[in-house]
Amino acid sequence: MKLLTLNVHAWLEDNQVEKIDLLARTIAEKQYDVVALQEVNQLMTARPVTKDLKEDNYGLLLVEKINQLSMEKYSLFWSNSHIGYDKYDEGIAFLTKLPVYDVDPFYCTEHQTVQSIFSRKIVGITVAYQGQLVDCYSCHMNLPDCQEEDPIDNLRAIVERSTHSHLKILMGDFNTDAISAPADYEAIKATGLLDTYELAQEKDAGITVSKAIDGWSGHGAEKRIDYIFLNQEREVLSSRIIFNGENEAVVSDHFGLEVHVKC
């Protein structure tokens, strides 16, 4: 299964349209099975086109561009998490070309209103892949020093969302740096999760943020804060960073993480 996760920092980037075009072309070329996206924004004042989506929804525009280029068509699943930058519906999304059997948007936090930045919506989808059902979750977690929420309790709410035996794949921006905060990183794995980066047969340095960004303003060092975790051990063929200026141009304040898992 070919996976990609990326915090897209939607509508906050210079040359945003060109970056959407590059991301769409890359997804169409590489034919990822599942793409998890975070900070998938739309202006609160934009014109609605469905019950939830507005005409400038980053994910909607992205999937339309992908489907103009891709032989296999992708579907978008988006849900609003909270208000971002005082003007956006900031959401979480999946794109997938696989059959989807269930869609499960839910809050993993105690805060559950769009008015609170501590409210963290998760989008779960159950997809069919090679004769099995797989649960995937797109995640954008609070910072580890968040006083209003317990990040590990929030994470357990995702891990324990269902009790069946499906493989679970948690993808996204976990806001925990494996390099500078190893204890926090180990606490994530202690919930029963396996880091595909550690399992990968082929991998690079794994750096997903190379500078100070929103939420990490005092931390300019290289960071590994975006992950793809599994709840069951699988063969992981590769883990590579993309959209970092070396492997494709930069499209966001985060780099992308692509992982090839043998399910």
Protein backbone atom coordinates (compact mmCIF):
# COMPACT_ATOMS: atom_id res chain seq x y z
CA MET A 1 0.00 0.00 0.00
CA LYS A 2 1.45 3.35 -1.05
CA LEU A 3 0.80 6.06 1.53
CA LEU A 4 1.43 9.81 1.71
CA THR A 5 0.86 12.21 4.59
CA LEU A 6 1.32 15.99 4.37
CA ASN A 7 0.34 19.01 6.44
CA VAL A 8 -0.51 21.29 3.50
CA HIS A 9 -0.69 24.64 5.41
CA ALA A 10 -3.51 25.52 3.04
CA TRP A 11 -3.86 29.08 1.72
CA LEU A 12 -0.97 30.24 3.92
CA GLU A 13 1.73 29.53 1.35
CA ASP A 14 3.29 31.83 -1.23
CA ASN A 15 2.59 30.71 -4.81
CA GLN A 16 -0.22 28.54 -3.44
CA VAL A 17 -1.84 27.69 -6.79
CA GLU A 18 1.47 26.49 -8.27
CA LYS A 19 2.06 24.34 -5.20
CA ILE A 20 -1.38 22.75 -5.49
CA ASP A 21 -0.64 21.98 -9.14
CA LEU A 22 2.66 20.29 -8.20
CA LEU A 23 1.03 18.25 -5.44
CA ALA A 24 -1.78 17.16 -7.78
CA ARG A 25 0.66 16.12 -10.52
CA THR A 26 2.77 14.14 -8.05
CA ILE A 27 -0.21 12.28 -6.59
CA ALA A 28 -1.48 11.49 -10.09
CA GLU A 29 1.95 10.23 -11.16
CA LYS A 30 2.77 8.19 -8.06
CA GLN A 31 -0.76 6.82 -7.62
CA TYR A 32 -0.75 6.67 -3.84
CA ASP A 33 -3.46 4.43 -2.47
CA VAL A 34 -4.22 6.70 0.49
CA VAL A 35 -3.24 10.35 1.07
CA ALA A 36 -3.74 11.96 4.50
CA LEU A 37 -3.80 15.76 4.64
CA GLN A 38 -3.87 18.21 7.55
CA GLU A 39 -4.62 21.96 7.74
CA VAL A 40 -6.95 21.59 4.77
CA ASN A 41 -8.51 25.03 4.95
CA GLN A 42 -11.41 26.93 3.44
CA LEU A 43 -12.45 30.51 4.13
CA MET A 44 -15.35 30.72 6.53
CA THR A 45 -16.87 33.39 4.28
CA ALA A 46 -16.56 31.42 1.02
CA ARG A 47 -19.62 30.23 -0.91
CA PRO A 48 -20.89 26.77 0.13
CA VAL A 49 -21.02 24.11 -2.58
CA THR A 50 -22.16 21.23 -0.32
CA LYS A 51 -23.32 20.98 3.28
CA ASP A 52 -19.71 21.07 4.50
CA LEU A 53 -17.49 22.13 1.60
CA LYS A 54 -16.98 25.64 0.29
CA GLU A 55 -15.82 26.60 -3.17
CA ASP A 56 -12.26 27.38 -2.07
CA ASN A 57 -11.77 24.21 -0.01
CA TYR A 58 -8.14 23.23 -0.62
CA GLY A 59 -8.94 19.51 -0.71
CA LEU A 60 -11.79 20.01 -3.17
CA LEU A 61 -9.62 22.00 -5.58
CA LEU A 62 -6.79 19.49 -5.18
CA VAL A 63 -8.90 16.41 -5.91
CA GLU A 64 -10.42 18.09 -8.96
CA LYS A 65 -6.92 18.75 -10.35
CA ILE A 66 -5.79 15.20 -9.56
CA ASN A 67 -8.79 13.69 -11.33
CA GLN A 68 -8.04 15.73 -14.45
CA LEU A 69 -4.65 13.97 -14.59
CA SER A 70 -5.21 10.51 -13.11
CA MET A 71 -6.64 7.47 -14.88
CA GLU A 72 -7.87 6.18 -11.52
CA LYS A 73 -10.14 8.68 -9.79
CA TYR A 74 -9.70 9.84 -6.20
CA SER A 75 -12.38 10.62 -3.64
CA LEU A 76 -12.16 13.34 -0.98
CA PHE A 77 -13.24 12.95 2.64
CA TRP A 78 -12.98 16.17 4.68
CA SER A 79 -14.17 17.35 8.08
CA ASN A 80 -13.84 20.67 9.91
CA SER A 81 -11.80 20.60 13.12
CA HIS A 82 -11.67 24.20 14.36
CA ILE A 83 -11.31 27.82 13.33
CA GLY A 84 -7.81 28.59 12.10
CA TYR A 85 -6.17 32.01 11.91
CA ASP A 86 -9.55 33.61 12.78
CA LYS A 87 -10.85 33.12 9.22
CA TYR A 88 -10.57 29.52 8.09
CA ASP A 89 -12.51 26.33 8.63
CA GLU A 90 -9.39 24.26 9.35
CA GLY A 91 -10.00 20.66 8.47
CA ILE A 92 -8.58 17.18 8.11
CA ALA A 93 -8.86 15.11 4.93
CA PHE A 94 -8.20 11.91 3.07
CA LEU A 95 -7.84 11.32 -0.63
CA THR A 96 -8.05 7.73 -1.82
CA LYS A 97 -8.58 5.73 -4.98
CA LEU A 98 -9.53 2.62 -2.95
CA PRO A 99 -13.11 1.49 -2.21
CA VAL A 100 -14.26 3.10 1.05
CA TYR A 101 -16.55 1.09 3.34
CA ASP A 102 -16.89 3.53 6.21
CA VAL A 103 -16.15 7.18 7.03
CA ASP A 104 -15.74 8.17 10.68
CA PRO A 105 -15.03 11.82 11.58
CA PHE A 106 -14.70 12.30 15.35
CA TYR A 107 -13.02 14.45 17.99
CA CYS A 108 -10.22 12.74 19.91
CA THR A 109 -10.07 15.63 22.42
CA GLU A 110 -12.15 16.80 25.36
CA HIS A 111 -12.57 20.14 23.55
CA GLN A 112 -15.12 19.57 20.78
CA THR A 113 -16.12 22.95 19.39
CA VAL A 114 -14.77 24.75 16.34
CA GLN A 115 -14.10 27.81 18.52
CA SER A 116 -11.29 26.03 20.41
CA ILE A 117 -7.85 25.50 18.86
CA PHE A 118 -7.50 22.53 21.21
CA SER A 119 -10.38 20.72 19.47
CA ARG A 120 -8.82 18.08 17.24
CA LYS A 121 -10.99 16.33 14.69
CA ILE A 122 -9.81 13.02 13.25
CA VAL A 123 -11.04 11.59 9.97
CA GLY A 124 -11.17 7.82 9.84
CA ILE A 125 -11.86 5.79 6.72
CA THR A 126 -12.10 2.03 6.25
CA VAL A 127 -10.74 1.01 2.87
CA ALA A 128 -10.57 -2.27 1.01
CA TYR A 129 -7.07 -3.30 -0.05
CA GLN A 130 -6.10 -6.69 -1.49
CA GLY A 131 -9.04 -8.51 0.05
CA GLN A 132 -8.85 -6.97 3.52
CA LEU A 133 -10.29 -3.97 5.32
CA VAL A 134 -7.85 -1.40 6.69
CA ASP A 135 -8.69 1.49 9.03
CA CYS A 136 -6.84 4.72 8.26
CA TYR A 137 -6.85 7.88 10.40
CA SER A 138 -5.72 11.37 9.38
CA CYS A 139 -4.43 13.11 12.51
CA HIS A 140 -3.33 16.58 13.58
CA MET A 141 -2.53 16.46 17.28
CA ASN A 142 -2.00 19.15 19.91
CA LEU A 143 1.50 20.04 21.05
CA PRO A 144 2.96 17.81 23.80
CA ASP A 145 3.07 20.74 26.26
CA CYS A 146 -0.63 21.48 25.77
CA GLN A 147 -2.06 22.12 29.24
CA GLU A 148 -5.71 21.85 28.22
CA GLU A 149 -5.49 18.36 26.72
CA ASP A 150 -3.49 15.20 27.37
CA PRO A 151 -1.94 14.24 24.00
CA ILE A 152 -1.54 10.59 25.00
CA ASP A 153 -5.15 10.30 26.13
CA ASN A 154 -6.14 11.91 22.82
CA LEU A 155 -4.03 9.36 20.96
CA ARG A 156 -5.56 6.45 22.88
CA ALA A 157 -8.99 7.67 21.79
CA ILE A 158 -7.88 7.04 18.20
CA VAL A 159 -6.10 3.74 18.81
CA GLU A 160 -9.08 2.39 20.76
CA ARG A 161 -11.71 3.82 18.42
CA SER A 162 -12.66 0.32 17.27
CA THR A 163 -12.06 -3.11 18.75
CA HIS A 164 -11.95 -5.26 15.63
CA SER A 165 -8.80 -6.85 14.26
CA HIS A 166 -8.27 -4.63 11.19
CA LEU A 167 -4.86 -3.13 10.59
CA LYS A 168 -4.95 0.51 11.74
CA ILE A 169 -2.80 3.16 10.09
CA LEU A 170 -2.44 6.53 11.85
CA MET A 171 -1.05 9.21 9.54
CA GLY A 172 -0.33 12.87 10.03
CA ASP A 173 1.18 15.72 12.02
CA PHE A 174 1.62 14.47 15.58
CA ASN A 175 3.41 17.62 16.80
CA THR A 176 5.93 15.49 18.71
CA ASP A 177 9.58 15.62 17.72
CA ALA A 178 11.35 12.27 17.88
CA ILE A 179 14.71 14.08 17.83
CA SER A 180 14.39 16.72 20.57
CA ALA A 181 11.69 15.02 22.68
CA PRO A 182 12.49 11.29 22.65
CA ALA A 183 10.48 10.60 25.83
CA ASP A 184 7.32 12.06 24.26
CA TYR A 185 7.97 10.02 21.10
CA GLU A 186 8.40 6.83 23.14
CA ALA A 187 5.14 7.61 24.96
CA ILE A 188 3.35 7.59 21.60
CA LYS A 189 4.75 4.17 20.75
CA ALA A 190 3.84 2.91 24.22
CA THR A 191 0.16 3.15 23.22
CA GLY A 192 0.83 0.13 20.99
CA LEU A 193 1.92 1.90 17.80
CA LEU A 194 4.82 1.00 15.52
CA ASP A 195 6.64 3.71 13.58
CA THR A 196 6.96 2.80 9.90
CA TYR A 197 10.16 4.85 9.79
CA GLU A 198 11.81 2.46 12.24
CA LEU A 199 10.44 -0.60 10.39
CA ALA A 200 11.44 0.59 6.91
CA GLN A 201 13.97 -1.42 4.93
CA GLU A 202 14.95 1.71 3.01
CA LYS A 203 14.75 5.20 4.50
CA ASP A 204 16.31 8.64 4.50
CA ALA A 205 16.92 11.09 7.37
CA GLY A 206 13.18 11.38 8.00
CA ILE A 207 13.17 15.15 8.63
CA THR A 208 9.67 16.55 8.04
CA VAL A 209 10.20 20.17 9.22
CA SER A 210 13.50 22.01 8.75
CA LYS A 211 12.80 25.37 10.41
CA ALA A 212 10.71 27.20 13.00
CA ILE A 213 7.02 27.11 12.07
CA ASP A 214 3.69 28.00 13.70
CA GLY A 215 3.57 26.27 17.08
CA TRP A 216 7.33 25.73 16.98
CA SER A 217 8.43 29.37 16.78
CA GLY A 218 11.35 28.89 19.18
CA HIS A 219 12.53 25.65 17.61
CA GLY A 220 14.47 26.24 14.40
CA ALA A 221 16.25 22.88 14.36
CA GLU A 222 15.32 20.01 12.06
CA LYS A 223 12.38 18.00 13.36
CA ARG A 224 10.61 14.71 12.74
CA ILE A 225 7.00 15.41 13.74
CA ASP A 226 5.00 13.81 10.90
CA TYR A 227 4.54 10.05 11.05
CA ILE A 228 2.79 6.99 9.73
CA PHE A 229 2.14 4.54 12.56
CA LEU A 230 0.75 0.98 12.46
CA ASN A 231 -0.96 -0.96 15.23
CA GLN A 232 0.32 -4.26 13.83
CA GLU A 233 3.73 -5.17 12.52
CA ARG A 234 3.99 -5.27 8.74
CA GLU A 235 6.82 -5.30 6.25
CA VAL A 236 7.66 -1.70 5.39
CA LEU A 237 9.56 -1.49 2.12
CA SER A 238 10.45 2.19 2.25
CA SER A 239 9.98 5.50 4.09
CA ARG A 240 10.97 8.64 2.21
CA ILE A 241 10.55 12.39 2.59
CA ILE A 242 9.06 14.25 -0.37
CA PHE A 243 8.37 17.92 -1.17
CA ASN A 244 11.56 18.92 0.68
CA GLY A 245 13.37 20.71 -2.15
CA GLU A 246 15.44 17.63 -3.00
CA ASN A 247 12.73 15.08 -3.72
CA GLU A 248 10.24 17.44 -5.43
CA ALA A 249 9.85 21.16 -4.66
CA VAL A 250 8.61 22.42 -1.28
CA VAL A 251 4.81 22.88 -1.17
CA SER A 252 4.22 23.58 2.54
CA ASP A 253 5.94 24.43 5.83
CA HIS A 254 5.98 20.65 6.38
CA PHE A 255 7.55 18.12 4.06
CA GLY A 256 5.59 15.09 2.96
CA LEU A 257 6.18 11.53 4.15
CA GLU A 258 5.62 8.65 1.71
CA VAL A 259 5.66 5.07 2.95
CA HIS A 260 5.27 1.77 1.11
CA VAL A 261 3.76 -0.89 3.39
CA LYS A 262 3.34 -4.53 2.41
CA CYS A 263 -0.06 -5.40 3.88
